[in-house]
Amino acid sequence: MAVKGSIVEMVRHNAILWFRLIERVFRRCFKVIVKRSSKKKKNIKNGTNGHSYYFDQQIQEVHPTEDTNCCGKVKKIAKDHCTVTTLKNRLPILKWLPTYGITDIQSDVIAGLTVGLTVIPQGLAYAKVAGLPPQYGLYSAFMGCFVYCFLGTSKDITLGPTAIMSLMTGTFAHSQVEGDATYAIILTLMCGVVQLVMGMLNLGIIVNFISYPVINAFTSAAAITIAFSQVKHVLGLRHIPREFLEMVYEIFAKIEETRLWDMTLGLTCIVLLFLIKKLRTIKWKELRPEELKLYIKIWRKFIWLFATGANAVIVISSAGVAAILIHFGVKDKLTLTGELKAGLPPFRVPDFTLNVGNVTESTSTIFANIGAGFGIVPLLGLIETIAIGKAFGVANIISCFCSSYPVTGSFSRTAVNSQSGVRTPASGIVTGGLVLLSLYVLTPLFYYIPNAALAAVIISAVLQMIDYKIILILWRANKLDLAILIITFLSSLGIGIEYGILVGVGISVLSVLYPLARPRVAFTSQDGFIICTPDQGMKFPSAEYISEKIVDRAHSGTNNRSVIFDFRHISSIDYSAVMSLRELISDLKRFNLKVAISNVQPKVSRDFDKAAIEEFQIFSNIDIASQKLSFKEKEKETELELKDISVIHL
């Protein structure tokens, strides 16, 4: 323990020294940038050299102003960017590394090993969903962990392959050559670039336009699609298409071809996974500290670790069963994973062309085939973690050099990481190291893993993503959201998962824009005037609609009435709305009717002033507007009476 403690202290001491060195370098750079000449110029007063006096004045009047502005800008930029705080924000590892201790190492190692035992079987299984050989799931499982250790801001998030990203990869990056990953690797690179740009430009608002019912419906539809895609492996069926409706039809059409051994193993694995994972939810009896013996603590911890590593337990056990059957000469009963490429993936620049056998595709052809995937896949990757992070983009960019397909944060593994007591993102180094070790050592043993066992792992994972309880909640709370959810869900299953979410987003945006274009307008009467009060802002989509409603109401009935426009709910206005108001005033003026505007907020009032339209009559409240209009109408009536009297006298 003494040697271990001394090594930890030495690493910690060196980390602190490096941190202080970086801090001093940045402080020195800051001083050099902001340093400027402080020479004072002397003014020659009452001098005989008029030219010199004039020349000094020119320098003082022109050049110092330009120099001051330039230096001020440089100084401001240096203050904003060349600071230790900025460096820590750009490289979050500097925030927790100087205080990293032995307790943190112990917790992170345990959490990293636990997540590693979860991600290895999931990676092998998810690669099949992506339409790739199983080893590509492990290629995608380690680099994101390493990158997030340096750039990640959350200790719990773990990056790697997920069910939805695997499905999207299989949808958009499906190569003509079986087992070829060229499409998937290119998609990973572009996905990283898009996510990095979105993070740098703070484009999180894009994700906000995707409502919760749309995300929920898409996730449930994706889970059902993924689960059904694995039924063929559980039943041992072959030559099943990828499209959902065709897949369901073919599975039922070929149900007679079911392989009994595969079905038995697959169903057994699904049941065992369900039962073992239930062990994590056991609520142990509360005991006093003196009653909580050491063997009780060890037993409870063992049960929790056993339940957390259920995927690894089932896969290893199934592989053992398959190996025993082969040893005793029982072959061709179970469908196995087969030979995998051994060793670590090469670190190289992705190929942007495809040249395999008789198939040759150029970069433009590959990009055209992926198409909308360049936008949908990175967006879904950010939706899965409900965050926009530059770390995700960098992780995908670097991962593509290791033959990875797109990765993002995993809900299930993040939960396992948190429950394991993780302290810092350093646990990702342990997880990534365990994945690399499995690639380097265990690849030959993956031959014996049955496809039915991997399918059971996927089915047990994705079924938890289906949220059926929300239907009843939305029925009670908001039936419009329920309609959006149902349309998105059916579209995702009917026309494709990639188009279903676009349909859902489009309907959600329309549901937001329609009230802006057709707001509710309340009409009341006071002192013989019509008071018009829209319930939302007045912008160009709704300006003409509101004006038409006002004109129709002003002419309705036997008597025409002037209008008081109540702006209490309008916080902003655009030029189209100003022009629409101007036309409204002109239309009503032809019928000797007036328009008064009341309860105008300061920002809207400034916009009216900038428009410089004299016809606008603006008042602080409805009562004053009513009095002014009444007074003007009485004046008008008096003028008309005087005119009538003058006509009679004539």
Foldseek 3Di string as FASTA:
>chain_A
DVVVQVVQVVQLVVLVVVLVVLQVVLVVVLCVQLDDDDDDDDADPPDPPPVVNVVVVVCVVPVVVVVVVVSVVSNVVSVVQSHSVNVCLQWVLNVCSNVDDPVQVVLLLLLLVLLLLVQLLLLQLLLVLLQAASVLSLLFQALLLVLCQGNPDDLLWGKGDDNVLSNLNNVQQPDPDRRDLQLQLVLLQLLLVVLLVCAVVVVLVVLVLQDPLLVLLLLQLSLVLLLLVLVCQQQVHDDADSAQVSNVVVCVVCVVVGQPLSNVLLVVLLVQLVVLLVLLVDDDDDDDPVPCDPVNVVVNVVSNSCNSSSLSVSQVVQLVVLVVCVVVPNPPRFAASAADDAAFAAQADRDQWDDDDPDTGHNVRSCVSSDCSSPQSSSVLCVQVSHRGSSQSVSSNRSSSRSHGRMHTDPSSSVSSVVSNNDGSCSSNSSSVSSNVCRHPVNVSSRSGGSSSSSSSSSSVSVVSNDPVVLVVCVVPPVLSNVLSVQLNCCCNPVHSSVSSVSSSVSSVCVVCVCQLVFDWDWDDDPQAIEIETQAAHELSNLLVSLVVVVVVQPPDDHGHAYEYECQRHPDYDPNNVVSVVVSQVVVVVVVHGYAYECDDPRRVVVVVVVVDPRYHYDHHDVVVSVVVVVVVVVVVVVVVVVVVVVVVD
